[in-house]
Amino acid sequence: MNAFTDHWLDIGSLDDIPPRGARVVRAAGGDIAVFRTADDRIFALRDQCPHKGGPLSQGIVHDHGVTCPLHNWVIDLDSGRARGPDEGCAHAIPVRLENGRIQLRYPALP
């Protein structure tokens, strides 16, 4: 373990993301899509579908999944894995909600 193991980066308020919506966080290793579900759970994935690289942040959020806007792949928000017969995985980023603030874990950022 190192000094960065438990470092969390505050990226904004829960209210910054509408229910069943997403926000993009720019990161040196690639954009991160932060999702809010209808039940106010927060998830973060690299903003790139494992199929053809479509922007997951522009997809439709439903239950605990997001449908890619390019080819309708459904990506599980918990794991980043494609659902159904599709195969592939979007990198999941550890995220938490503390006192209404969204935090991403560093150095887990891509």
N, C-alpha and C. Protein backbone atom coordinates (compact mmCIF):
# COMPACT_ATOMS: atom_id res chain seq x y z
N MET A 1 0.84 -1.18 0.00
CA MET A 1 0.00 0.00 0.00
C MET A 1 0.88 1.24 0.00
N ASN A 2 0.40 2.30 -0.64
CA ASN A 2 1.15 3.54 -0.66
C ASN A 2 0.28 4.69 -0.17
N ALA A 3 0.80 5.89 -0.20
CA ALA A 3 0.09 7.05 0.32
C ALA A 3 -1.16 7.39 -0.48
N PHE A 4 -1.25 6.92 -1.71
CA PHE A 4 -2.40 7.25 -2.55
C PHE A 4 -3.53 6.23 -2.47
N THR A 5 -3.36 5.16 -1.72
CA THR A 5 -4.34 4.09 -1.70
C THR A 5 -5.74 4.58 -1.34
N ASP A 6 -5.86 5.47 -0.38
CA ASP A 6 -7.17 5.91 0.07
C ASP A 6 -7.49 7.34 -0.33
N HIS A 7 -6.91 7.84 -1.41
CA HIS A 7 -7.18 9.20 -1.85
C HIS A 7 -8.43 9.22 -2.73
N TRP A 8 -9.36 10.10 -2.42
CA TRP A 8 -10.59 10.24 -3.19
C TRP A 8 -10.67 11.67 -3.73
N LEU A 9 -11.04 11.79 -4.99
CA LEU A 9 -11.14 13.07 -5.67
C LEU A 9 -12.61 13.49 -5.74
N ASP A 10 -12.93 14.63 -5.15
CA ASP A 10 -14.29 15.17 -5.17
C ASP A 10 -14.56 15.75 -6.56
N ILE A 11 -15.65 15.29 -7.20
CA ILE A 11 -15.95 15.77 -8.55
C ILE A 11 -17.26 16.55 -8.63
N GLY A 12 -17.96 16.68 -7.51
CA GLY A 12 -19.20 17.45 -7.54
C GLY A 12 -20.29 16.85 -6.68
N SER A 13 -21.44 17.46 -6.76
CA SER A 13 -22.60 17.08 -5.97
C SER A 13 -23.45 16.04 -6.70
N LEU A 14 -24.16 15.24 -5.93
CA LEU A 14 -25.12 14.30 -6.51
C LEU A 14 -26.12 15.05 -7.39
N ASP A 15 -26.50 16.25 -6.95
CA ASP A 15 -27.48 17.05 -7.70
C ASP A 15 -26.95 17.54 -9.04
N ASP A 16 -25.65 17.43 -9.29
CA ASP A 16 -25.08 17.82 -10.58
C ASP A 16 -25.45 16.85 -11.70
N ILE A 17 -25.91 15.67 -11.33
CA ILE A 17 -26.28 14.64 -12.31
C ILE A 17 -27.77 14.35 -12.15
N PRO A 18 -28.55 14.48 -13.20
CA PRO A 18 -29.98 14.17 -13.08
C PRO A 18 -30.20 12.67 -12.89
N PRO A 19 -31.30 12.28 -12.23
CA PRO A 19 -31.61 10.84 -12.13
C PRO A 19 -31.64 10.22 -13.53
N ARG A 20 -31.06 9.04 -13.66
CA ARG A 20 -30.93 8.30 -14.92
C ARG A 20 -30.13 9.09 -15.95
N GLY A 21 -29.13 9.84 -15.43
CA GLY A 21 -28.28 10.64 -16.31
C GLY A 21 -26.81 10.36 -16.07
N ALA A 22 -25.96 11.12 -16.75
CA ALA A 22 -24.52 10.93 -16.65
C ALA A 22 -23.81 12.27 -16.75
N ARG A 23 -22.59 12.28 -16.30
CA ARG A 23 -21.69 13.44 -16.40
C ARG A 23 -20.33 12.91 -16.83
N VAL A 24 -19.60 13.69 -17.60
CA VAL A 24 -18.27 13.29 -18.05
C VAL A 24 -17.23 14.03 -17.23
N VAL A 25 -16.26 13.27 -16.73
CA VAL A 25 -15.11 13.84 -16.03
C VAL A 25 -13.90 13.61 -16.92
N ARG A 26 -13.21 14.68 -17.26
CA ARG A 26 -12.02 14.58 -18.10
C ARG A 26 -10.85 14.12 -17.24
N ALA A 27 -10.13 13.12 -17.71
CA ALA A 27 -8.97 12.59 -16.98
C ALA A 27 -7.85 12.34 -17.99
N ALA A 28 -6.63 12.43 -17.52
CA ALA A 28 -5.47 12.26 -18.40
C ALA A 28 -5.49 10.92 -19.14
N GLY A 29 -5.97 9.88 -18.49
CA GLY A 29 -5.99 8.56 -19.11
C GLY A 29 -7.22 8.26 -19.93
N GLY A 30 -8.13 9.21 -20.05
CA GLY A 30 -9.37 9.02 -20.79
C GLY A 30 -10.57 9.50 -19.99
N ASP A 31 -11.60 9.89 -20.70
CA ASP A 31 -12.80 10.41 -20.04
C ASP A 31 -13.47 9.33 -19.19
N ILE A 32 -14.11 9.79 -18.11
CA ILE A 32 -14.84 8.91 -17.20
C ILE A 32 -16.30 9.33 -17.21
N ALA A 33 -17.18 8.38 -17.38
CA ALA A 33 -18.62 8.63 -17.31
C ALA A 33 -19.09 8.30 -15.90
N VAL A 34 -19.74 9.25 -15.26
CA VAL A 34 -20.28 9.05 -13.92
C VAL A 34 -21.80 9.02 -14.06
N PHE A 35 -22.41 7.94 -13.62
CA PHE A 35 -23.83 7.71 -13.81
C PHE A 35 -24.59 7.79 -12.49
N ARG A 36 -25.82 8.30 -12.57
CA ARG A 36 -26.75 8.30 -11.44
C ARG A 36 -27.98 7.52 -11.87
N THR A 37 -28.34 6.53 -11.09
CA THR A 37 -29.51 5.72 -11.41
C THR A 37 -30.76 6.35 -10.80
N ALA A 38 -31.92 5.81 -11.14
CA ALA A 38 -33.19 6.32 -10.62
C ALA A 38 -33.26 6.20 -9.11
N ASP A 39 -32.55 5.20 -8.53
CA ASP A 39 -32.56 5.02 -7.07
C ASP A 39 -31.35 5.72 -6.41
N ASP A 40 -30.77 6.70 -7.12
CA ASP A 40 -29.68 7.55 -6.61
C ASP A 40 -28.39 6.82 -6.29
N ARG A 41 -28.15 5.70 -6.95
CA ARG A 41 -26.84 5.06 -6.83
C ARG A 41 -25.92 5.68 -7.86
N ILE A 42 -24.63 5.72 -7.55
CA ILE A 42 -23.63 6.34 -8.41
C ILE A 42 -22.65 5.26 -8.89
N PHE A 43 -22.31 5.32 -10.17
CA PHE A 43 -21.35 4.40 -10.78
C PHE A 43 -20.42 5.19 -11.68
N ALA A 44 -19.23 4.69 -11.91
CA ALA A 44 -18.28 5.34 -12.81
C ALA A 44 -17.60 4.30 -13.69
N LEU A 45 -17.58 4.57 -14.98
CA LEU A 45 -16.93 3.71 -15.96
C LEU A 45 -16.11 4.57 -16.91
N ARG A 46 -15.11 3.97 -17.48
CA ARG A 46 -14.42 4.68 -18.56
C ARG A 46 -15.45 4.94 -19.65
N ASP A 47 -15.47 6.14 -20.19
CA ASP A 47 -16.52 6.56 -21.12
C ASP A 47 -16.26 6.01 -22.52
N GLN A 48 -16.19 4.69 -22.59
CA GLN A 48 -15.88 4.05 -23.86
C GLN A 48 -16.47 2.65 -23.87
N CYS A 49 -17.42 2.43 -24.76
CA CYS A 49 -18.02 1.10 -24.89
C CYS A 49 -16.95 0.11 -25.35
N PRO A 50 -16.94 -1.11 -24.79
CA PRO A 50 -15.93 -2.09 -25.21
C PRO A 50 -16.14 -2.59 -26.63
N HIS A 51 -17.27 -2.31 -27.23
CA HIS A 51 -17.55 -2.79 -28.58
C HIS A 51 -16.82 -1.95 -29.63
N LYS A 52 -17.22 -0.68 -29.78
CA LYS A 52 -16.62 0.18 -30.81
C LYS A 52 -16.21 1.54 -30.24
N GLY A 53 -16.12 1.63 -28.91
CA GLY A 53 -15.64 2.86 -28.29
C GLY A 53 -16.67 3.97 -28.17
N GLY A 54 -17.95 3.64 -28.31
CA GLY A 54 -19.00 4.65 -28.21
C GLY A 54 -19.02 5.33 -26.84
N PRO A 55 -19.49 6.57 -26.77
CA PRO A 55 -19.53 7.31 -25.51
C PRO A 55 -20.67 6.84 -24.61
N LEU A 56 -20.34 6.05 -23.62
CA LEU A 56 -21.38 5.51 -22.72
C LEU A 56 -22.14 6.62 -22.00
N SER A 57 -21.49 7.77 -21.78
CA SER A 57 -22.13 8.89 -21.09
C SER A 57 -23.33 9.41 -21.87
N GLN A 58 -23.42 9.11 -23.16
CA GLN A 58 -24.54 9.57 -23.98
C GLN A 58 -25.60 8.48 -24.14
N GLY A 59 -25.41 7.37 -23.43
CA GLY A 59 -26.36 6.27 -23.52
C GLY A 59 -27.55 6.46 -22.60
N ILE A 60 -28.45 5.50 -22.66
CA ILE A 60 -29.66 5.51 -21.83
C ILE A 60 -29.40 4.70 -20.57
N VAL A 61 -29.57 5.33 -19.40
CA VAL A 61 -29.38 4.66 -18.12
C VAL A 61 -30.71 4.03 -17.71
N HIS A 62 -30.67 2.75 -17.37
CA HIS A 62 -31.87 2.03 -16.93
C HIS A 62 -31.45 0.99 -15.91
N ASP A 63 -32.25 0.86 -14.87
CA ASP A 63 -31.89 -0.03 -13.76
C ASP A 63 -30.45 0.25 -13.35
N HIS A 64 -29.59 -0.76 -13.41
CA HIS A 64 -28.16 -0.57 -13.12
C HIS A 64 -27.34 -0.90 -14.36
N GLY A 65 -27.83 -0.41 -15.51
CA GLY A 65 -27.15 -0.60 -16.78
C GLY A 65 -27.23 0.66 -17.62
N VAL A 66 -26.42 0.69 -18.67
CA VAL A 66 -26.46 1.78 -19.64
C VAL A 66 -26.40 1.15 -21.03
N THR A 67 -27.23 1.67 -21.94
CA THR A 67 -27.23 1.19 -23.31
C THR A 67 -26.39 2.13 -24.16
N CYS A 68 -25.39 1.59 -24.82
CA CYS A 68 -24.49 2.38 -25.67
C CYS A 68 -25.31 3.00 -26.81
N PRO A 69 -25.07 4.29 -27.10
CA PRO A 69 -25.84 4.95 -28.14
C PRO A 69 -25.48 4.52 -29.57
N LEU A 70 -24.37 3.81 -29.76
CA LEU A 70 -23.98 3.43 -31.11
C LEU A 70 -24.61 2.14 -31.59
N HIS A 71 -24.51 1.07 -30.80
CA HIS A 71 -24.97 -0.23 -31.27
C HIS A 71 -25.81 -0.99 -30.25
N ASN A 72 -26.32 -0.27 -29.27
CA ASN A 72 -27.26 -0.82 -28.29
C ASN A 72 -26.72 -1.91 -27.39
N TRP A 73 -25.41 -1.97 -27.22
CA TRP A 73 -24.87 -2.89 -26.22
C TRP A 73 -25.29 -2.39 -24.85
N VAL A 74 -25.65 -3.30 -23.97
CA VAL A 74 -26.00 -2.93 -22.60
C VAL A 74 -24.82 -3.28 -21.70
N ILE A 75 -24.35 -2.27 -20.96
CA ILE A 75 -23.20 -2.42 -20.08
C ILE A 75 -23.67 -2.34 -18.63
N ASP A 76 -23.27 -3.32 -17.84
CA ASP A 76 -23.62 -3.36 -16.42
C ASP A 76 -22.82 -2.28 -15.68
N LEU A 77 -23.52 -1.42 -14.93
CA LEU A 77 -22.84 -0.33 -14.24
C LEU A 77 -22.01 -0.81 -13.06
N ASP A 78 -22.39 -1.90 -12.43
CA ASP A 78 -21.62 -2.44 -11.30
C ASP A 78 -20.25 -2.94 -11.73
N SER A 79 -20.22 -3.71 -12.80
CA SER A 79 -18.98 -4.40 -13.20
C SER A 79 -18.33 -3.83 -14.45
N GLY A 80 -19.10 -3.14 -15.28
CA GLY A 80 -18.59 -2.68 -16.57
C GLY A 80 -18.70 -3.73 -17.67
N ARG A 81 -19.19 -4.91 -17.34
CA ARG A 81 -19.28 -6.00 -18.32
C ARG A 81 -20.51 -5.85 -19.22
N ALA A 82 -20.34 -6.27 -20.45
CA ALA A 82 -21.45 -6.29 -21.40
C ALA A 82 -22.43 -7.38 -20.97
N ARG A 83 -23.72 -7.09 -21.13
CA ARG A 83 -24.76 -8.06 -20.79
C ARG A 83 -25.20 -8.84 -22.03
N GLY A 84 -25.86 -9.96 -21.76
CA GLY A 84 -26.42 -10.75 -22.84
C GLY A 84 -25.36 -11.50 -23.61
N PRO A 85 -25.58 -11.66 -24.91
CA PRO A 85 -24.61 -12.43 -25.70
C PRO A 85 -23.34 -11.64 -26.01
N ASP A 86 -23.36 -10.32 -25.77
CA ASP A 86 -22.18 -9.50 -26.08
C ASP A 86 -21.08 -9.75 -25.05
N GLU A 87 -19.83 -9.58 -25.48
CA GLU A 87 -18.69 -9.80 -24.59
C GLU A 87 -17.77 -8.59 -24.63
N GLY A 88 -17.27 -8.22 -23.47
CA GLY A 88 -16.36 -7.10 -23.35
C GLY A 88 -16.59 -6.42 -22.01
N CYS A 89 -15.71 -5.49 -21.68
CA CYS A 89 -15.82 -4.84 -20.38
C CYS A 89 -15.28 -3.41 -20.47
N ALA A 90 -16.04 -2.49 -19.91
CA ALA A 90 -15.59 -1.10 -19.76
C ALA A 90 -14.96 -1.01 -18.36
N HIS A 91 -13.84 -0.35 -18.26
CA HIS A 91 -13.13 -0.26 -16.97
C HIS A 91 -13.99 0.49 -15.94
N ALA A 92 -14.26 -0.18 -14.82
CA ALA A 92 -15.03 0.44 -13.74
C ALA A 92 -14.08 1.20 -12.82
N ILE A 93 -14.52 2.37 -12.38
CA ILE A 93 -13.74 3.23 -11.48
C ILE A 93 -14.43 3.22 -10.13
N PRO A 94 -13.69 2.97 -9.04
CA PRO A 94 -14.31 3.04 -7.71
C PRO A 94 -14.88 4.45 -7.47
N VAL A 95 -16.10 4.50 -6.99
CA VAL A 95 -16.78 5.76 -6.74
C VAL A 95 -17.57 5.63 -5.44
N ARG A 96 -17.74 6.76 -4.75
CA ARG A 96 -18.55 6.73 -3.52
C ARG A 96 -19.27 8.07 -3.39
N LEU A 97 -20.28 8.05 -2.53
CA LEU A 97 -21.06 9.24 -2.23
C LEU A 97 -20.87 9.55 -0.76
N GLU A 98 -20.33 10.72 -0.45
CA GLU A 98 -20.07 11.15 0.92
C GLU A 98 -20.74 12.50 1.16
N ASN A 99 -21.75 12.52 2.03
CA ASN A 99 -22.45 13.76 2.36
C ASN A 99 -22.94 14.48 1.11
N GLY A 100 -23.49 13.72 0.16
CA GLY A 100 -24.04 14.30 -1.05
C GLY A 100 -23.01 14.67 -2.10
N ARG A 101 -21.73 14.35 -1.86
CA ARG A 101 -20.65 14.65 -2.80
C ARG A 101 -20.16 13.36 -3.45
N ILE A 102 -19.91 13.43 -4.75
CA ILE A 102 -19.42 12.28 -5.51
C ILE A 102 -17.90 12.31 -5.49
N GLN A 103 -17.30 11.15 -5.19
CA GLN A 103 -15.85 11.06 -5.13
C GLN A 103 -15.37 9.85 -5.93
N LEU A 104 -14.32 10.07 -6.73
CA LEU A 104 -13.68 9.00 -7.49
C LEU A 104 -12.37 8.63 -6.79
N ARG A 105 -12.08 7.35 -6.79
CA ARG A 105 -10.85 6.89 -6.13
C ARG A 105 -9.63 7.11 -7.03
N TYR A 106 -8.60 7.64 -6.43
CA TYR A 106 -7.32 7.85 -7.11
C TYR A 106 -6.29 6.99 -6.40
N PRO A 107 -5.47 6.24 -7.07
CA PRO A 107 -5.07 6.27 -8.46
C PRO A 107 -5.82 5.30 -9.36
N ALA A 108 -7.01 4.87 -9.00
CA ALA A 108 -7.76 3.95 -9.85
C ALA A 108 -8.22 4.61 -11.14
N LEU A 109 -8.11 5.93 -11.25
CA LEU A 109 -8.47 6.61 -12.48
C LEU A 109 -7.57 6.12 -13.60
N PRO A 110 -8.14 5.90 -14.78
CA PRO A 110 -7.31 5.41 -15.88
C PRO A 110 -6.29 6.44 -16.34
